Protein backbone atom coordinates (compact mmCIF):
# COMPACT_ATOMS: atom_id res chain seq x y z
CA MET A 1 225.37 -91.63 11.20
CA LYS A 2 223.36 -88.93 11.83
CA THR A 3 219.62 -88.95 10.51
CA LEU A 4 218.11 -86.09 8.40
CA SER A 5 215.85 -85.17 11.47
CA THR A 6 219.00 -84.67 13.68
CA LEU A 7 220.74 -82.51 10.83
CA LEU A 8 217.75 -80.45 10.39
CA ALA A 9 217.41 -80.07 14.36
CA ALA A 10 221.25 -79.15 14.68
CA VAL A 11 222.47 -77.40 11.83
CA LEU A 12 219.23 -75.36 11.19
CA PHE A 13 216.85 -75.43 14.10
CA GLY A 14 219.16 -74.00 16.60
CA MET A 15 221.31 -72.06 14.40
CA ALA A 16 218.94 -70.34 12.11
CA SER A 17 217.95 -67.97 14.94
CA VAL A 18 221.45 -67.31 16.11
CA PRO A 19 223.35 -65.12 13.82
CA SER A 20 226.96 -65.93 12.89
CA GLY A 21 229.48 -64.58 15.60
CA ALA A 22 226.73 -64.24 17.97
CA THR A 23 227.57 -63.11 21.64
CA ALA A 24 226.71 -65.45 24.30
CA GLN A 25 224.08 -63.04 25.44
CA GLU A 26 222.48 -63.04 22.06
CA ALA A 27 222.41 -67.14 21.81
CA SER A 28 220.96 -66.93 25.54
CA ALA A 29 218.13 -64.64 24.41
CA ALA A 30 217.47 -67.24 21.21
CA GLU A 31 217.42 -70.14 23.54
CA ASN A 32 215.01 -68.46 26.06
CA ARG A 33 212.49 -67.47 22.91
CA PHE A 34 212.53 -71.08 22.23
CA ALA A 35 211.80 -72.19 25.99
CA ALA A 36 208.85 -69.54 25.71
CA MET A 37 207.19 -71.33 22.84
CA SER A 38 204.47 -73.80 23.37
CA ALA A 39 204.73 -77.07 21.63
CA GLU A 40 202.70 -76.02 18.43
CA GLN A 41 204.78 -72.84 17.97
CA VAL A 42 208.23 -74.93 18.35
CA ARG A 43 206.38 -77.48 15.61
CA GLU A 44 205.17 -74.63 13.57
CA TYR A 45 208.75 -73.48 13.49
CA GLU A 46 210.27 -76.60 12.61
CA LEU A 47 208.20 -77.06 9.83
CA ASP A 48 209.30 -73.48 8.46
CA VAL A 49 212.85 -74.51 8.63
CA ALA A 50 212.07 -77.86 6.85
CA ARG A 51 210.47 -75.89 4.24
CA ARG A 52 212.99 -73.68 3.69
CA VAL A 53 215.36 -76.58 3.47
CA ALA A 54 213.08 -77.93 0.44
CA ASP A 55 213.28 -74.93 -1.20
CA LEU A 56 216.92 -75.41 -1.74
CA ALA A 57 215.65 -78.05 -4.48
CA LEU A 58 214.43 -74.80 -6.75
CA ILE A 59 218.10 -73.67 -6.94
CA PRO A 60 218.68 -74.63 -10.73
CA PRO A 61 221.25 -77.32 -11.20
CA GLY A 62 224.41 -77.08 -13.21
CA VAL A 63 225.28 -79.19 -16.49
CA ASN A 64 228.99 -80.48 -16.52
CA VAL A 65 229.84 -81.19 -20.11
CA SER A 66 233.54 -81.73 -18.84
CA PRO A 67 232.84 -84.35 -16.26
CA LEU A 68 236.18 -86.17 -16.66
CA PRO A 69 238.34 -87.60 -14.71
CA LYS A 70 236.06 -87.28 -11.65
CA TYR A 71 233.27 -88.85 -12.98
CA ASP A 72 235.05 -91.73 -14.81
CA TYR A 73 234.04 -95.23 -14.50
CA ASP A 74 236.58 -96.06 -12.20
CA LYS A 75 235.16 -93.49 -9.54
CA LEU A 76 231.68 -95.16 -9.99
CA ASP A 77 230.18 -97.61 -7.87
CA TYR A 78 226.35 -98.19 -8.79
CA GLY A 79 224.26 -97.98 -12.06
CA MET A 80 220.55 -97.54 -12.43
CA THR A 81 219.48 -97.44 -16.00
CA ILE A 82 217.30 -94.10 -16.74
CA GLY A 83 216.74 -94.09 -20.15
CA LEU A 84 217.68 -94.35 -24.21
CA GLU A 85 217.06 -92.34 -27.12
CA ARG A 86 218.34 -91.99 -30.93
CA THR A 87 219.03 -88.67 -32.53
CA PRO A 88 218.00 -87.96 -36.27
CA LYS A 89 221.73 -88.88 -37.25
CA GLY A 90 221.76 -92.34 -35.21
CA ARG A 91 223.98 -91.64 -32.22
CA LEU A 92 222.53 -93.24 -29.31
CA TRP A 93 222.41 -91.60 -25.86
CA ALA A 94 221.91 -93.49 -22.62
CA CYS A 95 221.63 -92.15 -19.16
CA TRP A 96 221.76 -93.83 -16.01
CA VAL A 97 221.98 -92.73 -12.27
CA ALA A 98 225.29 -93.15 -10.36
CA GLY A 99 225.74 -92.79 -6.42
CA GLY A 100 222.53 -95.17 -5.48
CA ASP A 101 218.80 -95.38 -5.56
CA SER A 102 219.16 -93.00 -2.56
CA PRO A 103 219.83 -89.12 -1.74
CA LYS A 104 223.64 -89.78 -3.42
CA ALA A 105 221.98 -90.21 -6.77
CA PHE A 106 223.22 -87.89 -9.64
CA PHE A 107 222.65 -88.56 -13.56
CA LEU A 108 225.29 -89.67 -16.37
CA LEU A 109 225.17 -89.61 -20.16
CA ALA A 110 227.18 -91.32 -22.57
CA SER A 111 226.66 -91.89 -26.39
CA SER A 112 227.55 -94.58 -29.18
CA ASP A 113 228.01 -93.64 -32.81
CA ASP A 114 228.21 -97.33 -33.87
CA ASP A 115 224.55 -98.59 -33.34
CA GLY A 116 225.15 -99.28 -29.93
CA ALA A 117 228.64 -101.70 -30.27
CA SER A 118 230.62 -99.31 -28.39
CA TRP A 119 230.10 -96.40 -25.92
CA SER A 120 232.08 -93.12 -24.93
CA LYS A 121 232.81 -92.41 -21.27
CA PRO A 122 230.56 -90.25 -19.55
CA ARG A 123 229.95 -87.00 -21.76
CA MET A 124 227.44 -84.91 -19.56
CA VAL A 125 226.88 -85.13 -15.80
CA ILE A 126 223.92 -83.55 -13.64
CA ASP A 127 225.25 -83.80 -9.87
CA ALA A 128 222.96 -81.23 -7.55
CA HIS A 129 225.15 -82.10 -4.27
CA SER A 130 226.93 -79.56 -2.54
CA PRO A 131 229.21 -79.80 0.79
CA THR A 132 227.32 -76.78 1.94
CA LEU A 133 224.02 -78.13 2.04
CA PRO A 134 222.56 -79.53 5.39
CA THR A 135 221.36 -82.72 3.59
CA ASP A 136 221.73 -84.24 0.27
CA ARG A 137 219.76 -82.70 -3.00
CA SER A 138 219.38 -85.47 -5.39
CA VAL A 139 218.90 -85.82 -9.18
CA LEU A 140 217.10 -89.45 -9.12
CA VAL A 141 214.73 -90.26 -11.95
CA GLY A 142 214.16 -88.96 -15.44
CA VAL A 143 214.19 -90.04 -19.00
CA LEU A 144 215.78 -89.18 -22.65
CA TRP A 145 213.46 -88.02 -25.37
CA THR A 146 213.88 -86.95 -28.87
CA ASP A 147 211.26 -84.94 -29.87
CA PRO A 148 209.84 -84.32 -33.42
CA THR A 149 212.15 -81.35 -34.19
CA GLY A 150 215.03 -83.54 -33.52
CA LYS A 151 215.93 -81.77 -30.13
CA LEU A 152 217.26 -84.25 -27.10
CA TRP A 153 215.68 -83.96 -24.01
CA VAL A 154 217.09 -84.69 -20.68
CA PHE A 155 213.77 -84.58 -17.90
CA PHE A 156 214.98 -85.40 -14.59
CA ASP A 157 213.57 -84.70 -10.90
CA GLN A 158 215.45 -82.73 -8.19
CA SER A 159 214.56 -82.97 -4.94
CA MET A 160 215.95 -82.83 -1.20
CA ASP A 161 216.85 -86.30 0.00
CA MET A 162 214.81 -88.98 -1.49
CA PHE A 163 211.47 -87.02 -1.65
CA ASP A 164 210.80 -83.78 -0.18
CA GLY A 165 206.91 -83.87 -0.66
CA ARG A 166 207.43 -81.45 -3.89
CA ALA A 167 210.13 -82.33 -5.78
CA GLY A 168 210.53 -80.98 -9.29
CA VAL A 169 210.50 -82.11 -13.08
CA TRP A 170 213.42 -80.32 -14.90
CA ALA A 171 214.72 -80.18 -18.29
CA THR A 172 218.05 -79.42 -20.22
CA VAL A 173 217.47 -79.59 -24.18
CA CYS A 174 220.10 -80.16 -26.82
CA ALA A 175 219.66 -78.80 -30.38
CA ASP A 176 222.72 -80.56 -31.87
CA PRO A 177 222.96 -84.04 -30.10
CA ASP A 178 224.58 -85.19 -33.19
CA ALA A 179 227.44 -82.83 -32.70
CA ASP A 180 231.04 -83.27 -31.74
CA SER A 181 230.91 -81.07 -28.51
CA PRO A 182 226.89 -80.97 -28.08
CA SER A 183 225.48 -77.85 -26.05
CA TRP A 184 222.69 -78.08 -23.16
CA SER A 185 220.30 -75.38 -22.25
CA ALA A 186 220.23 -74.12 -18.88
CA PRO A 187 217.83 -76.58 -16.81
CA ARG A 188 214.64 -75.23 -16.53
CA ARG A 189 211.72 -76.43 -13.92
CA LEU A 190 208.50 -77.80 -15.71
CA TRP A 191 206.25 -78.79 -12.82
CA HIS A 192 206.51 -80.53 -9.47
CA GLY A 193 207.01 -84.31 -8.96
CA VAL A 194 208.61 -86.41 -11.06
CA MET A 195 209.06 -88.09 -14.80
CA LEU A 196 210.32 -91.47 -15.61
CA ASN A 197 208.72 -91.92 -18.90
CA LYS A 198 208.63 -90.08 -22.29
CA PRO A 199 206.02 -87.64 -23.74
CA THR A 200 203.60 -89.31 -26.20
CA VAL A 201 202.81 -87.03 -29.44
CA LEU A 202 199.53 -87.07 -29.85
CA SER A 203 197.45 -87.03 -33.44
CA THR A 204 196.35 -83.38 -32.41
CA GLY A 205 200.34 -82.47 -32.30
CA GLU A 206 200.01 -81.95 -28.68
CA TRP A 207 202.86 -83.38 -26.47
CA LEU A 208 201.72 -85.05 -23.46
CA ALA A 209 204.08 -85.61 -20.58
CA PRO A 210 203.70 -88.24 -17.83
CA MET A 211 204.40 -86.53 -14.58
CA SER A 212 204.10 -88.00 -11.22
CA LEU A 213 203.22 -86.21 -7.99
CA ASP A 214 203.78 -89.04 -5.36
CA GLN A 215 200.46 -89.59 -3.45
CA ARG A 216 202.56 -89.79 -0.23
CA GLU A 217 203.08 -86.58 1.29
CA GLY A 218 207.07 -86.38 1.69
CA PHE A 219 209.76 -88.66 3.48
CA GLY A 220 210.98 -88.25 7.14
CA PRO A 221 211.12 -84.55 8.42
CA PHE A 222 209.64 -83.32 5.04
CA ARG A 223 206.59 -85.30 5.57
CA GLY A 224 203.29 -82.83 5.31
CA LEU A 225 204.96 -80.13 4.20
CA PHE A 226 203.22 -79.07 1.05
CA HIS A 227 199.33 -80.15 1.68
CA GLU A 228 198.46 -77.37 -0.86
CA LEU A 229 199.68 -79.75 -3.53
CA ASP A 230 197.74 -82.62 -2.29
CA PRO A 231 194.73 -82.02 -4.93
CA LEU A 232 197.39 -82.27 -7.49
CA ARG A 233 198.96 -85.91 -6.14
CA GLY A 234 198.71 -88.77 -8.85
CA ALA A 235 199.67 -89.88 -12.19
CA ASN A 236 199.50 -86.56 -13.78
CA ALA A 237 199.15 -85.62 -17.87
CA LEU A 238 200.94 -82.27 -18.50
CA ALA A 239 200.29 -81.09 -22.29
CA SER A 240 202.07 -78.62 -24.40
CA THR A 241 200.98 -77.34 -27.43
CA ASP A 242 204.26 -75.06 -28.45
CA GLY A 243 206.71 -77.32 -28.84
CA GLY A 244 207.63 -77.28 -25.03
CA ARG A 245 208.08 -73.88 -24.18
CA THR A 246 205.26 -74.37 -21.70
CA TRP A 247 203.17 -76.99 -20.04
CA GLU A 248 199.84 -77.12 -18.63
CA ARG A 249 198.71 -79.80 -16.21
CA ARG A 250 195.47 -81.05 -17.50
CA GLY A 251 194.37 -83.62 -14.56
CA ALA A 252 195.27 -86.98 -13.11
CA ALA A 253 194.43 -90.40 -12.16
CA ARG A 254 194.93 -91.89 -8.49
CA PHE A 255 195.71 -95.62 -8.40
CA PRO A 256 195.57 -97.72 -5.12
CA ASN A 257 199.12 -98.25 -3.64
CA PRO A 258 201.19 -96.54 -6.46
CA ASP A 259 204.94 -96.94 -6.40
CA TRP A 260 206.33 -93.78 -8.20
CA HIS A 261 203.68 -94.28 -10.51
CA GLU A 262 206.13 -94.71 -13.59
CA HIS A 263 203.05 -94.15 -16.00
CA MET A 264 203.03 -94.11 -19.58
CA PHE A 265 200.36 -93.00 -22.25
CA VAL A 266 199.44 -94.59 -25.73
CA GLU A 267 197.09 -93.18 -27.56
CA ARG A 268 194.33 -95.87 -28.93
CA LYS A 269 192.97 -95.73 -32.31
CA ASP A 270 190.06 -94.52 -31.42
CA GLY A 271 191.67 -91.15 -29.85
CA SER A 272 191.36 -92.34 -26.30
CA LEU A 273 193.99 -92.22 -24.04
CA TRP A 274 195.45 -95.73 -22.27
CA MET A 275 197.72 -95.06 -19.05
CA LEU A 276 199.50 -97.74 -17.72
CA ALA A 277 201.03 -97.07 -14.03
CA ARG A 278 203.17 -99.00 -11.65
CA THR A 279 201.65 -100.46 -8.44
CA ALA A 280 202.35 -102.39 -5.70
CA LYS A 281 200.10 -105.12 -7.33
CA GLY A 282 201.82 -104.76 -10.78
CA ILE A 283 200.55 -102.78 -13.54
CA MET A 284 197.11 -101.02 -13.32
CA GLN A 285 195.26 -99.18 -16.02
CA THR A 286 192.88 -96.25 -16.75
CA THR A 287 191.59 -94.56 -19.84
CA SER A 288 191.05 -90.90 -20.52
CA THR A 289 188.28 -89.81 -23.85
CA ASP A 290 188.95 -85.96 -23.17
CA GLY A 291 192.80 -85.71 -23.84
CA GLY A 292 193.89 -86.30 -20.14
CA ARG A 293 191.81 -84.32 -18.53
CA THR A 294 189.75 -87.17 -16.64
CA TRP A 295 190.45 -90.60 -16.09
CA ALA A 296 188.31 -93.69 -15.32
CA GLU A 297 188.20 -95.60 -12.34
CA PRO A 298 191.66 -97.72 -12.75
CA THR A 299 191.71 -101.52 -13.01
CA GLU A 300 194.20 -104.16 -13.76
CA PRO A 301 194.88 -104.81 -17.49
CA THR A 302 193.00 -108.28 -18.74
CA GLY A 303 195.97 -110.68 -18.98
CA ILE A 304 199.09 -108.74 -18.16
CA ARG A 305 200.95 -109.74 -15.05
CA GLN A 306 204.04 -107.84 -13.90
CA PRO A 307 205.97 -107.21 -10.40
CA ASN A 308 206.36 -103.98 -8.61
CA ALA A 309 208.72 -102.77 -11.29
CA ARG A 310 208.93 -100.44 -14.28
CA PHE A 311 207.72 -101.59 -17.88
CA HIS A 312 208.00 -99.98 -21.13
CA VAL A 313 205.07 -99.60 -23.60
CA ARG A 314 204.87 -97.63 -26.77
CA ARG A 315 203.44 -97.33 -29.82
CA LEU A 316 205.50 -98.38 -33.24
CA ALA A 317 205.76 -96.80 -36.33
CA SER A 318 204.06 -100.00 -37.80
CA GLY A 319 200.84 -99.20 -35.53
CA ARG A 320 201.78 -102.00 -33.22
CA ILE A 321 201.90 -101.70 -29.61
CA LEU A 322 205.25 -102.88 -27.78
CA LEU A 323 205.40 -104.05 -24.28
CA VAL A 324 208.45 -104.87 -22.26
CA LYS A 325 207.68 -106.60 -19.03
CA HIS A 326 209.05 -109.23 -16.97
CA GLY A 327 208.02 -112.86 -17.36
CA ASP A 328 208.15 -115.49 -20.50
CA ARG A 329 204.52 -115.24 -20.25
CA ILE A 330 202.28 -112.16 -20.93
CA ASP A 331 199.99 -113.21 -18.26
CA ALA A 332 202.95 -114.29 -15.42
CA HIS A 333 206.14 -113.47 -13.90
CA GLN A 334 208.71 -114.73 -11.20
CA GLY A 335 209.68 -111.20 -10.38
CA ARG A 336 212.90 -109.35 -12.07
CA VAL A 337 214.02 -111.99 -14.02
CA GLN A 338 213.15 -112.84 -17.86
CA LEU A 339 212.77 -109.32 -19.39
CA SER A 340 210.74 -109.75 -22.62
CA ALA A 341 209.27 -107.86 -25.37
CA TRP A 342 205.55 -108.42 -26.74
CA LEU A 343 203.56 -106.79 -29.55
CA SER A 344 199.77 -105.96 -29.86
CA GLU A 345 197.87 -105.09 -32.97
CA ASP A 346 194.55 -104.57 -31.22
CA ASP A 347 195.56 -101.68 -28.97
CA GLY A 348 196.50 -104.02 -26.19
CA ALA A 349 193.70 -106.52 -25.89
CA SER A 350 195.80 -109.35 -26.90
CA TRP A 351 199.78 -109.64 -27.47
CA ARG A 352 202.15 -112.15 -29.28
CA GLY A 353 205.60 -112.72 -29.25
CA GLY A 354 207.51 -112.83 -26.23
CA LEU A 355 211.33 -112.39 -27.04
CA ILE A 356 213.14 -112.73 -24.00
CA LEU A 357 215.76 -109.79 -23.91
CA ASP A 358 217.33 -111.01 -20.88
CA ASP A 359 216.79 -113.93 -18.81
CA ARG A 360 219.09 -113.48 -15.69
CA ARG A 361 217.78 -112.22 -12.17
CA GLY A 362 217.96 -108.62 -11.30
CA VAL A 363 217.54 -106.96 -14.58
CA SER A 364 215.08 -104.13 -14.69
CA TYR A 365 213.96 -100.63 -15.84
CA PRO A 366 213.34 -100.79 -19.02
CA ASP A 367 213.31 -98.00 -21.70
CA GLY A 368 213.15 -97.90 -25.35
CA CYS A 369 213.08 -96.00 -28.79
CA GLN A 370 213.03 -96.97 -32.48
CA ALA A 371 214.80 -96.24 -35.45
CA PRO A 372 213.24 -95.23 -38.98
CA ASP A 373 214.36 -98.63 -40.43
CA GLY A 374 212.32 -100.37 -37.72
CA THR A 375 214.96 -101.41 -35.30
CA ILE A 376 213.99 -100.99 -31.36
CA TYR A 377 216.29 -100.31 -28.84
CA VAL A 378 215.73 -101.01 -25.05
CA SER A 379 218.31 -100.31 -22.56
CA TYR A 380 217.96 -101.83 -18.72
CA ASP A 381 220.24 -102.48 -15.91
CA ARG A 382 221.46 -105.21 -14.10
CA ASP A 383 222.51 -106.15 -10.48
CA ARG A 384 222.60 -102.39 -9.76
CA ALA A 385 224.64 -102.38 -6.56
CA ALA A 386 226.81 -105.55 -7.24
CA ARG A 387 227.47 -105.26 -11.10
CA GLY A 388 225.60 -101.82 -11.84
CA GLU A 389 225.87 -102.93 -15.53
CA ILE A 390 223.71 -100.82 -18.18
CA LEU A 391 222.81 -103.04 -21.11
CA LEU A 392 221.14 -102.87 -24.45
CA ALA A 393 218.99 -105.01 -26.39
CA ARG A 394 218.74 -104.33 -30.37
CA PHE A 395 215.89 -106.06 -32.17
CA THR A 396 213.04 -105.96 -34.54
CA GLU A 397 209.36 -106.62 -34.69
CA ASP A 398 210.04 -109.96 -36.64
CA ASP A 399 212.46 -110.97 -33.65
CA VAL A 400 209.66 -110.22 -31.11
CA LEU A 401 207.17 -112.25 -33.04
CA ALA A 402 209.47 -115.45 -33.87
CA GLY A 403 210.51 -115.27 -30.08
CA ARG A 404 214.23 -115.38 -31.17
CA LEU A 405 216.74 -113.11 -33.35
CA VAL A 406 216.17 -113.42 -36.76
CA GLY A 407 217.25 -109.97 -38.09
CA PRO A 408 220.64 -109.57 -39.23
CA LYS A 409 221.69 -106.68 -36.78
CA SER A 410 219.81 -107.78 -33.94
CA ALA A 411 221.91 -108.35 -30.53
CA LEU A 412 220.89 -108.70 -26.99
CA ARG A 413 223.12 -108.13 -23.72
CA MET A 414 224.80 -105.44 -25.34
CA LEU A 415 227.08 -103.59 -22.53
CA VAL A 416 226.71 -99.64 -22.53
CA CYS A 417 228.75 -99.23 -19.26
CA ARG A 418 229.72 -100.69 -16.11
CA PRO A 419 231.04 -98.80 -12.90
CA LEU A 420 234.72 -100.06 -11.93
CA GLY A 421 234.53 -98.56 -8.37
CA MET A 422 232.66 -101.46 -7.14
CA LYS A 423 233.57 -102.31 -3.42
CA PRO A 424 234.42 -105.75 -2.99
CA ALA A 425 232.18 -108.48 -1.52
CA ARG A 426 232.70 -108.77 2.14
CA PRO A 427 233.41 -112.15 2.94
CA LYS A 428 230.90 -114.31 4.63
């Protein structure tokens, strides 16, 4: 298999300087020009070509609202959950990744009109791949969010390969997510980086979005292309004061050994912001007292232990904070097993409950939302490459506090979807 470096060299480095249909004499002249370059000049040329390849991620992707049969379940062989949302009239939308946790990734959305008991086939797809590109253009991570006006947002990243050092957060918005045939806006690029968790609506009415510009400079031949962005790298806070029409960067926290950040905000009762982020050591925290412009030195939150994996934290309508993490104890875990839900009544100082949503191994990437009646919905995936299941837990705060299901509508391990094109395992 050709590496990306080989592709860039073969497809772009040599061909970029030779016009289509060039004569042997013209090709020889181009070769001689490269031969006369110094090593530094060659490297500058390579970087310029790689940067132009990265610019292919700035081309707006399409929104495919007629994805069948090409993207039906029998054509899919991987499942990594992105997120879950509920619309004003009660429809649930789920989004997940197919193709792999890799440059082959793309997004699919399905919906449920019976509170998660059954789900549609894929209704919308965002797939940025093209056979004419020199390397893959991926749509790898993102999140669903219903804004205060009832519009459904799909935030997603677009990058060349896995991460080209810049990537970009894009959004498409649906003004009628409960319609029989929902319509989606043309995707627009909001900022650099990626976004894996929902915005937070502050007490001021501002929307605060957690956008991560990875502290790594890019992978493979894209490494180091965008040094002008280095001052912006970190777990960023971007604010909108006009209902999402424009977004302005306020500031960022930088964590030791972050893993895509996957950060989330909670506005505390005193008006300060509490940020939790994913790092190689697990969850780390920081706080801001000026609306996200500056952040305190990161620390480990007292009493919370989590593997290097996504978690979910959110203020509920009751005022409590919901935390979904791994482990049957708030201060312990055994890896990506025992996905559990916890509640705090004192802004994260202490936690109660411990409802096990799924005690199996290979469960990960929780995201959630809450209905007006208090019902909590959390989606997650299980065994992405072998089973690819996207699952749903439906529960209440009483269930969490009891450590077991007590609500009449509560249910666990509800299947959202499963890819049916899985390749059979090779015999050992």
